[in-house]
Amino acid sequence: MTQTPDVQALNARIDKVLARIASSAQEAGRDPGAIRLVLASKTRTPSEIAAALAHLSRLGVKPVAGENRVQELVKHAEITDIPYELHMIGRLQRNKLSHAMRGCSMIHSLDRESLLTALLRRHEEDPAATPEVLLQVNTSGEPSKAGFAPETELLADAAGRLLAAGVALRGLMTIGARSEDSCRVRASLALLRQLRDELALSEVRELSMGMSGDLELAVAEGATLVRVGSAAFGPRPAQPGA
């Protein structure tokens, strides 16, 4: 049986996240309106997602949901009365790429050469079906994280191929360093901004970085998309068998 979300508590958490973004932006001398909140809706129910999206809509914030898994895209079919963007923010297998391309308006996690090649091939077959994309970069150097190496020449080559094919490349994405050392975390986020600036491509402006624990650092370093899950929705429920 699906549990009804505690809407009041959910709204309060979202308000707090938006306040954190606004405060961080103001401290950095940035316009809070230039930073979009992406609700990371992994494992969340359609009713939870719908309530969160509805609250953002009432606040005048353009709602965006981000899914980590292609198989969870289907639950969004139940959310029919709230206009919102759906982004793919998790790692993609090549055999599921076409599903993500059909179901999402942006893919944040174009993270490797084989996936880029597959996307270009599918784009050639049906250009109109290709969403906006971001190149994921492993700026922390952690082996557990996916992403292209943080090398300007490598990223310029990938970006050039996408743009030449007519793919709407919009920016870069990273996951901050997993560390208690805020300086190390911030350095991994600052590197993404540096790489974007070195690419110097007018089309490549978005920086998708920052999550519940490090969004302030990400905003300070220029994030335009922050992917927040637990700070907005609360702790994830225990999975069966966990």
C-alpha atoms as a PDB file:
ATOM      1  CA  MET A   1       0.000   0.000   0.000  1.00  0.00           C
ATOM      2  CA  THR A   2       1.370   3.422  -1.019  1.00  0.00           C
ATOM      3  CA  GLN A   3       1.877   5.744   1.916  1.00  0.00           C
ATOM      4  CA  THR A   4       0.487   9.273   1.615  1.00  0.00           C
ATOM      5  CA  PRO A   5       3.336  11.783   1.837  1.00  0.00           C
ATOM      6  CA  ASP A   6       3.500  14.260   4.697  1.00  0.00           C
ATOM      7  CA  VAL A   7       3.007  17.255   2.422  1.00  0.00           C
ATOM      8  CA  GLN A   8       3.576  19.876   5.112  1.00  0.00           C
ATOM      9  CA  ALA A   9       6.940  18.392   6.072  1.00  0.00           C
ATOM     10  CA  LEU A  10       7.884  17.928   2.414  1.00  0.00           C
ATOM     11  CA  ASN A  11       7.059  21.550   1.606  1.00  0.00           C
ATOM     12  CA  ALA A  12       9.071  22.762   4.595  1.00  0.00           C
ATOM     13  CA  ARG A  13      12.136  20.793   3.481  1.00  0.00           C
ATOM     14  CA  ILE A  14      11.882  22.148  -0.060  1.00  0.00           C
ATOM     15  CA  ASP A  15      11.534  25.691   1.285  1.00  0.00           C
ATOM     16  CA  LYS A  16      14.704  25.153   3.303  1.00  0.00           C
ATOM     17  CA  VAL A  17      16.597  23.899   0.234  1.00  0.00           C
ATOM     18  CA  LEU A  18      15.486  26.913  -1.792  1.00  0.00           C
ATOM     19  CA  ALA A  19      16.556  29.200   1.068  1.00  0.00           C
ATOM     20  CA  ARG A  20      19.978  27.531   1.128  1.00  0.00           C
ATOM     21  CA  ILE A  21      20.362  28.084  -2.614  1.00  0.00           C
ATOM     22  CA  ALA A  22      19.259  31.719  -2.354  1.00  0.00           C
ATOM     23  CA  SER A  23      21.541  32.462   0.603  1.00  0.00           C
ATOM     24  CA  SER A  24      24.554  30.827  -1.067  1.00  0.00           C
ATOM     25  CA  ALA A  25      23.900  32.690  -4.306  1.00  0.00           C
ATOM     26  CA  GLN A  26      23.660  36.026  -2.534  1.00  0.00           C
ATOM     27  CA  GLU A  27      26.914  35.375  -0.661  1.00  0.00           C
ATOM     28  CA  ALA A  28      28.588  34.598  -3.988  1.00  0.00           C
ATOM     29  CA  GLY A  29      27.128  37.677  -5.659  1.00  0.00           C
ATOM     30  CA  ARG A  30      24.967  35.563  -7.954  1.00  0.00           C
ATOM     31  CA  ASP A  31      21.336  35.731  -9.007  1.00  0.00           C
ATOM     32  CA  PRO A  32      19.440  32.896  -7.231  1.00  0.00           C
ATOM     33  CA  GLY A  33      17.159  32.729 -10.252  1.00  0.00           C
ATOM     34  CA  ALA A  34      20.079  31.481 -12.347  1.00  0.00           C
ATOM     35  CA  ILE A  35      20.224  28.242 -10.320  1.00  0.00           C
ATOM     36  CA  ARG A  36      17.705  25.483 -10.956  1.00  0.00           C
ATOM     37  CA  LEU A  37      16.766  22.892  -8.365  1.00  0.00           C
ATOM     38  CA  VAL A  38      16.586  19.349  -9.744  1.00  0.00           C
ATOM     39  CA  LEU A  39      14.612  17.102  -7.383  1.00  0.00           C
ATOM     40  CA  ALA A  40      16.503  13.809  -7.307  1.00  0.00           C
ATOM     41  CA  SER A  41      13.528  11.463  -7.149  1.00  0.00           C
ATOM     42  CA  LYS A  42      15.291   8.092  -6.932  1.00  0.00           C
ATOM     43  CA  THR A  43      13.046   5.528  -5.135  1.00  0.00           C
ATOM     44  CA  ARG A  44      10.392   8.186  -4.452  1.00  0.00           C
ATOM     45  CA  THR A  45       6.754   7.416  -5.146  1.00  0.00           C
ATOM     46  CA  PRO A  46       4.677   9.232  -7.782  1.00  0.00           C
ATOM     47  CA  SER A  47       2.632  10.868  -5.005  1.00  0.00           C
ATOM     48  CA  GLU A  48       5.776  12.212  -3.293  1.00  0.00           C
ATOM     49  CA  ILE A  49       7.146  13.536  -6.568  1.00  0.00           C
ATOM     50  CA  ALA A  50       3.820  15.086  -7.551  1.00  0.00           C
ATOM     51  CA  ALA A  51       3.526  16.859  -4.189  1.00  0.00           C
ATOM     52  CA  ALA A  52       7.061  18.252  -4.466  1.00  0.00           C
ATOM     53  CA  LEU A  53       6.559  19.414  -8.046  1.00  0.00           C
ATOM     54  CA  ALA A  54       3.230  21.025  -7.169  1.00  0.00           C
ATOM     55  CA  HIS A  55       4.833  22.974  -4.318  1.00  0.00           C
ATOM     56  CA  LEU A  56       7.578  24.307  -6.579  1.00  0.00           C
ATOM     57  CA  SER A  57       5.000  25.262  -9.184  1.00  0.00           C
ATOM     58  CA  ARG A  58       2.963  27.193  -6.602  1.00  0.00           C
ATOM     59  CA  LEU A  59       6.115  29.059  -5.597  1.00  0.00           C
ATOM     60  CA  GLY A  60       6.684  30.074  -9.202  1.00  0.00           C
ATOM     61  CA  VAL A  61       9.737  27.801  -9.541  1.00  0.00           C
ATOM     62  CA  LYS A  62       9.933  25.802 -12.763  1.00  0.00           C
ATOM     63  CA  PRO A  63       9.764  22.184 -11.537  1.00  0.00           C
ATOM     64  CA  VAL A  64      12.466  19.725 -12.561  1.00  0.00           C
ATOM     65  CA  ALA A  65      12.713  16.073 -11.492  1.00  0.00           C
ATOM     66  CA  GLY A  66      15.821  13.954 -11.972  1.00  0.00           C
ATOM     67  CA  GLU A  67      15.855  10.169 -12.126  1.00  0.00           C
ATOM     68  CA  ASN A  68      18.849   7.903 -11.591  1.00  0.00           C
ATOM     69  CA  ARG A  69      17.431   4.788 -13.213  1.00  0.00           C
ATOM     70  CA  VAL A  70      15.722   4.286 -16.554  1.00  0.00           C
ATOM     71  CA  GLN A  71      13.355   1.723 -15.036  1.00  0.00           C
ATOM     72  CA  GLU A  72      11.984   4.406 -12.701  1.00  0.00           C
ATOM     73  CA  LEU A  73      10.948   6.698 -15.553  1.00  0.00           C
ATOM     74  CA  VAL A  74       7.688   4.770 -15.895  1.00  0.00           C
ATOM     75  CA  LYS A  75       6.356   6.104 -12.590  1.00  0.00           C
ATOM     76  CA  HIS A  76       6.326   9.595 -14.070  1.00  0.00           C
ATOM     77  CA  ALA A  77       3.483   8.550 -16.357  1.00  0.00           C
ATOM     78  CA  GLU A  78       1.256   8.789 -13.265  1.00  0.00           C
ATOM     79  CA  ILE A  79       2.121  12.489 -12.826  1.00  0.00           C
ATOM     80  CA  THR A  80      -0.118  14.065 -15.440  1.00  0.00           C
ATOM     81  CA  ASP A  81      -1.365  17.440 -14.203  1.00  0.00           C
ATOM     82  CA  ILE A  82       1.888  19.289 -13.414  1.00  0.00           C
ATOM     83  CA  PRO A  83       4.073  20.633 -16.243  1.00  0.00           C
ATOM     84  CA  TYR A  84       7.700  19.821 -15.401  1.00  0.00           C
ATOM     85  CA  GLU A  85      11.007  18.772 -16.899  1.00  0.00           C
ATOM     86  CA  LEU A  86      12.315  15.245 -16.410  1.00  0.00           C
ATOM     87  CA  HIS A  87      16.093  14.784 -16.436  1.00  0.00           C
ATOM     88  CA  MET A  88      18.233  11.637 -16.369  1.00  0.00           C
ATOM     89  CA  ILE A  89      20.929  12.186 -13.755  1.00  0.00           C
ATOM     90  CA  GLY A  90      22.148   8.617 -13.154  1.00  0.00           C
ATOM     91  CA  ARG A  91      24.564   6.402 -15.040  1.00  0.00           C
ATOM     92  CA  LEU A  92      23.181   4.953 -18.254  1.00  0.00           C
ATOM     93  CA  GLN A  93      23.777   1.597 -19.870  1.00  0.00           C
ATOM     94  CA  ARG A  94      24.008   1.776 -23.641  1.00  0.00           C
ATOM     95  CA  ASN A  95      21.100  -0.633 -24.098  1.00  0.00           C
ATOM     96  CA  LYS A  96      18.858   1.729 -22.114  1.00  0.00           C
ATOM     97  CA  LEU A  97      19.969   4.929 -23.790  1.00  0.00           C
ATOM     98  CA  SER A  98      17.076   5.025 -26.254  1.00  0.00           C
ATOM     99  CA  HIS A  99      14.554   4.834 -23.392  1.00  0.00           C
ATOM    100  CA  ALA A 100      16.196   7.763 -21.634  1.00  0.00           C
ATOM    101  CA  MET A 101      16.341   9.764 -24.858  1.00  0.00           C
ATOM    102  CA  ARG A 102      12.619   9.283 -25.427  1.00  0.00           C
ATOM    103  CA  GLY A 103      11.584   9.957 -21.833  1.00  0.00           C
ATOM    104  CA  CYS A 104      13.772  12.873 -20.736  1.00  0.00           C
ATOM    105  CA  SER A 105      14.370  16.459 -21.772  1.00  0.00           C
ATOM    106  CA  MET A 106      17.985  16.430 -20.550  1.00  0.00           C
ATOM    107  CA  ILE A 107      20.613  13.761 -19.891  1.00  0.00           C
ATOM    108  CA  HIS A 108      23.234  14.871 -17.345  1.00  0.00           C
ATOM    109  CA  SER A 109      25.291  11.678 -17.400  1.00  0.00           C
ATOM    110  CA  LEU A 110      26.910  11.370 -20.827  1.00  0.00           C
ATOM    111  CA  ASP A 111      29.984   9.985 -19.131  1.00  0.00           C
ATOM    112  CA  ARG A 112      32.087   7.924 -21.547  1.00  0.00           C
ATOM    113  CA  GLU A 113      33.133   7.492 -25.149  1.00  0.00           C
ATOM    114  CA  SER A 114      31.020   4.402 -25.845  1.00  0.00           C
ATOM    115  CA  LEU A 115      27.856   6.142 -24.630  1.00  0.00           C
ATOM    116  CA  LEU A 116      28.661   9.270 -26.633  1.00  0.00           C
ATOM    117  CA  THR A 117      29.132   7.175 -29.782  1.00  0.00           C
ATOM    118  CA  ALA A 118      25.830   5.387 -29.171  1.00  0.00           C
ATOM    119  CA  LEU A 119      24.016   8.692 -28.654  1.00  0.00           C
ATOM    120  CA  LEU A 120      25.453  10.116 -31.875  1.00  0.00           C
ATOM    121  CA  ARG A 121      24.291   7.029 -33.749  1.00  0.00           C
ATOM    122  CA  ARG A 122      20.761   7.299 -32.378  1.00  0.00           C
ATOM    123  CA  HIS A 123      20.742  11.037 -33.041  1.00  0.00           C
ATOM    124  CA  GLU A 124      21.610  10.396 -36.671  1.00  0.00           C
ATOM    125  CA  GLU A 125      18.631   8.032 -36.922  1.00  0.00           C
ATOM    126  CA  ASP A 126      16.176  10.443 -35.259  1.00  0.00           C
ATOM    127  CA  PRO A 127      17.545  13.941 -34.558  1.00  0.00           C
ATOM    128  CA  ALA A 128      14.225  15.247 -33.269  1.00  0.00           C
ATOM    129  CA  ALA A 129      14.199  12.677 -30.458  1.00  0.00           C
ATOM    130  CA  THR A 130      17.549  13.714 -28.968  1.00  0.00           C
ATOM    131  CA  PRO A 131      17.306  15.615 -25.660  1.00  0.00           C
ATOM    132  CA  GLU A 132      19.731  18.202 -24.355  1.00  0.00           C
ATOM    133  CA  VAL A 133      22.873  16.662 -22.884  1.00  0.00           C
ATOM    134  CA  LEU A 134      25.653  17.380 -20.415  1.00  0.00           C
ATOM    135  CA  LEU A 135      29.094  15.778 -20.431  1.00  0.00           C
ATOM    136  CA  GLN A 136      29.846  14.160 -17.074  1.00  0.00           C
ATOM    137  CA  VAL A 137      33.398  14.723 -15.861  1.00  0.00           C
ATOM    138  CA  ASN A 138      35.199  12.914 -13.041  1.00  0.00           C
ATOM    139  CA  THR A 139      36.734  15.967 -11.394  1.00  0.00           C
ATOM    140  CA  SER A 140      37.516  14.201  -8.104  1.00  0.00           C
ATOM    141  CA  GLY A 141      39.671  11.488  -9.664  1.00  0.00           C
ATOM    142  CA  GLU A 142      37.894   8.868  -7.549  1.00  0.00           C
ATOM    143  CA  PRO A 143      37.811   5.458  -9.273  1.00  0.00           C
ATOM    144  CA  SER A 144      34.269   4.829  -8.035  1.00  0.00           C
ATOM    145  CA  LYS A 145      32.939   7.783 -10.038  1.00  0.00           C
ATOM    146  CA  ALA A 146      32.102   7.761 -13.729  1.00  0.00           C
ATOM    147  CA  GLY A 147      32.916  10.537 -16.162  1.00  0.00           C
ATOM    148  CA  PHE A 148      35.345  11.753 -18.767  1.00  0.00           C
ATOM    149  CA  ALA A 149      38.828  12.652 -17.578  1.00  0.00           C
ATOM    150  CA  PRO A 150      39.078  16.356 -16.637  1.00  0.00           C
ATOM    151  CA  GLU A 151      41.171  17.258 -19.689  1.00  0.00           C
ATOM    152  CA  THR A 152      40.202  20.267 -21.778  1.00  0.00           C
ATOM    153  CA  GLU A 153      41.416  18.774 -25.073  1.00  0.00           C
ATOM    154  CA  LEU A 154      39.453  15.562 -24.514  1.00  0.00           C
ATOM    155  CA  LEU A 155      36.279  17.441 -23.600  1.00  0.00           C
ATOM    156  CA  ALA A 156      36.712  19.834 -26.524  1.00  0.00           C
ATOM    157  CA  ASP A 157      36.864  16.883 -28.904  1.00  0.00           C
ATOM    158  CA  ALA A 158      33.716  15.320 -27.430  1.00  0.00           C
ATOM    159  CA  ALA A 159      31.906  18.651 -27.432  1.00  0.00           C
ATOM    160  CA  GLY A 160      32.936  19.374 -31.003  1.00  0.00           C
ATOM    161  CA  ARG A 161      31.587  16.055 -32.256  1.00  0.00           C
ATOM    162  CA  LEU A 162      28.266  16.542 -30.482  1.00  0.00           C
ATOM    163  CA  LEU A 163      27.785  20.108 -31.668  1.00  0.00           C
ATOM    164  CA  ALA A 164      28.830  19.273 -35.227  1.00  0.00           C
ATOM    165  CA  ALA A 165      26.154  16.576 -35.304  1.00  0.00           C
ATOM    166  CA  GLY A 166      23.525  19.026 -34.087  1.00  0.00           C
ATOM    167  CA  VAL A 167      23.194  17.607 -30.568  1.00  0.00           C
ATOM    168  CA  ALA A 168      22.141  20.211 -28.000  1.00  0.00           C
ATOM    169  CA  LEU A 169      25.148  20.047 -25.688  1.00  0.00           C
ATOM    170  CA  ARG A 170      24.399  22.446 -22.852  1.00  0.00           C
ATOM    171  CA  GLY A 171      27.185  22.009 -20.313  1.00  0.00           C
ATOM    172  CA  LEU A 172      29.086  19.785 -17.898  1.00  0.00           C
ATOM    173  CA  MET A 173      28.192  17.700 -14.867  1.00  0.00           C
ATOM    174  CA  THR A 174      30.168  16.293 -11.952  1.00  0.00           C
ATOM    175  CA  ILE A 175      29.761  14.647  -8.562  1.00  0.00           C
ATOM    176  CA  GLY A 176      31.823  16.377  -5.889  1.00  0.00           C
ATOM    177  CA  ALA A 177      34.607  14.586  -4.056  1.00  0.00           C
ATOM    178  CA  ARG A 178      33.459  12.245  -1.307  1.00  0.00           C
ATOM    179  CA  SER A 179      35.321  13.817   1.591  1.00  0.00           C
ATOM    180  CA  GLU A 180      34.865  15.564   4.923  1.00  0.00           C
ATOM    181  CA  ASP A 181      37.458  18.073   3.734  1.00  0.00           C
ATOM    182  CA  SER A 182      35.422  20.950   2.302  1.00  0.00           C
ATOM    183  CA  CYS A 183      38.491  22.308   0.514  1.00  0.00           C
ATOM    184  CA  ARG A 184      38.868  19.073  -1.410  1.00  0.00           C
ATOM    185  CA  VAL A 185      35.166  19.013  -2.257  1.00  0.00           C
ATOM    186  CA  ARG A 186      35.217  22.617  -3.402  1.00  0.00           C
ATOM    187  CA  ALA A 187      38.306  22.021  -5.543  1.00  0.00           C
ATOM    188  CA  SER A 188      36.532  19.218  -7.399  1.00  0.00           C
ATOM    189  CA  LEU A 189      33.609  21.550  -8.109  1.00  0.00           C
ATOM    190  CA  ALA A 190      35.805  24.502  -9.046  1.00  0.00           C
ATOM    191  CA  LEU A 191      37.570  22.295 -11.594  1.00  0.00           C
ATOM    192  CA  LEU A 192      34.309  21.780 -13.496  1.00  0.00           C
ATOM    193  CA  ARG A 193      33.816  25.534 -13.774  1.00  0.00           C
ATOM    194  CA  GLN A 194      37.422  25.937 -14.904  1.00  0.00           C
ATOM    195  CA  LEU A 195      36.970  23.287 -17.610  1.00  0.00           C
ATOM    196  CA  ARG A 196      33.796  24.943 -18.864  1.00  0.00           C
ATOM    197  CA  ASP A 197      35.541  28.301 -19.023  1.00  0.00           C
ATOM    198  CA  GLU A 198      38.510  26.793 -20.858  1.00  0.00           C
ATOM    199  CA  LEU A 199      36.192  25.226 -23.452  1.00  0.00           C
ATOM    200  CA  ALA A 200      34.861  28.742 -24.143  1.00  0.00           C
ATOM    201  CA  LEU A 201      31.851  27.460 -26.093  1.00  0.00           C
ATOM    202  CA  SER A 202      28.757  29.634 -26.000  1.00  0.00           C
ATOM    203  CA  GLU A 203      26.510  26.556 -26.036  1.00  0.00           C
ATOM    204  CA  VAL A 204      28.253  24.969 -23.037  1.00  0.00           C
ATOM    205  CA  ARG A 205      27.132  27.047 -20.059  1.00  0.00           C
ATOM    206  CA  GLU A 206      25.330  24.749 -17.626  1.00  0.00           C
ATOM    207  CA  LEU A 207      27.144  23.330 -14.596  1.00  0.00           C
ATOM    208  CA  SER A 208      25.274  20.456 -12.966  1.00  0.00           C
ATOM    209  CA  MET A 209      26.912  19.964  -9.586  1.00  0.00           C
ATOM    210  CA  GLY A 210      26.034  20.018  -5.938  1.00  0.00           C
ATOM    211  CA  MET A 211      23.778  17.739  -3.931  1.00  0.00           C
ATOM    212  CA  SER A 212      22.193  17.798  -0.476  1.00  0.00           C
ATOM    213  CA  GLY A 213      25.499  17.915   1.384  1.00  0.00           C
ATOM    214  CA  ASP A 214      27.544  20.285  -0.760  1.00  0.00           C
ATOM    215  CA  LEU A 215      25.120  22.546  -2.602  1.00  0.00           C
ATOM    216  CA  GLU A 216      26.474  25.707  -0.954  1.00  0.00           C
ATOM    217  CA  LEU A 217      29.977  24.975  -2.239  1.00  0.00           C
ATOM    218  CA  ALA A 218      28.596  24.186  -5.682  1.00  0.00           C
ATOM    219  CA  VAL A 219      26.607  27.419  -5.868  1.00  0.00           C
ATOM    220  CA  ALA A 220      29.696  29.363  -4.809  1.00  0.00           C
ATOM    221  CA  GLU A 221      31.587  27.743  -7.700  1.00  0.00           C
ATOM    222  CA  GLY A 222      28.954  28.544 -10.314  1.00  0.00           C
ATOM    223  CA  ALA A 223      26.463  25.653 -10.330  1.00  0.00           C
ATOM    224  CA  THR A 224      23.402  26.294 -12.483  1.00  0.00           C
ATOM    225  CA  LEU A 225      21.727  22.947 -11.705  1.00  0.00           C
ATOM    226  CA  VAL A 226      21.813  21.397  -8.218  1.00  0.00           C
ATOM    227  CA  ARG A 227      20.577  17.828  -7.760  1.00  0.00           C
ATOM    228  CA  VAL A 228      18.938  17.456  -4.349  1.00  0.00           C
ATOM    229  CA  GLY A 229      17.238  14.351  -3.007  1.00  0.00           C
ATOM    230  CA  SER A 230      17.243  13.646   0.736  1.00  0.00           C
ATOM    231  CA  ALA A 231      17.321  17.305   1.796  1.00  0.00           C
ATOM    232  CA  ALA A 232      14.060  17.810  -0.091  1.00  0.00           C
ATOM    233  CA  PHE A 233      12.307  14.466   0.326  1.00  0.00           C
ATOM    234  CA  GLY A 234      13.761  13.313   3.641  1.00  0.00           C
ATOM    235  CA  PRO A 235      15.641  10.069   4.287  1.00  0.00           C
ATOM    236  CA  ARG A 236      14.927   7.295   1.801  1.00  0.00           C
ATOM    237  CA  PRO A 237      12.800   4.465   3.191  1.00  0.00           C
ATOM    238  CA  ALA A 238      14.593   1.193   3.906  1.00  0.00           C
ATOM    239  CA  GLN A 239      14.463  -1.121   0.907  1.00  0.00           C
ATOM    240  CA  PRO A 240      12.964  -4.613   1.326  1.00  0.00           C
ATOM    241  CA  GLY A 241      15.611  -7.070   2.400  1.00  0.00           C
ATOM    242  CA  ALA A 242      18.033  -4.300   3.387  1.00  0.00           C
END
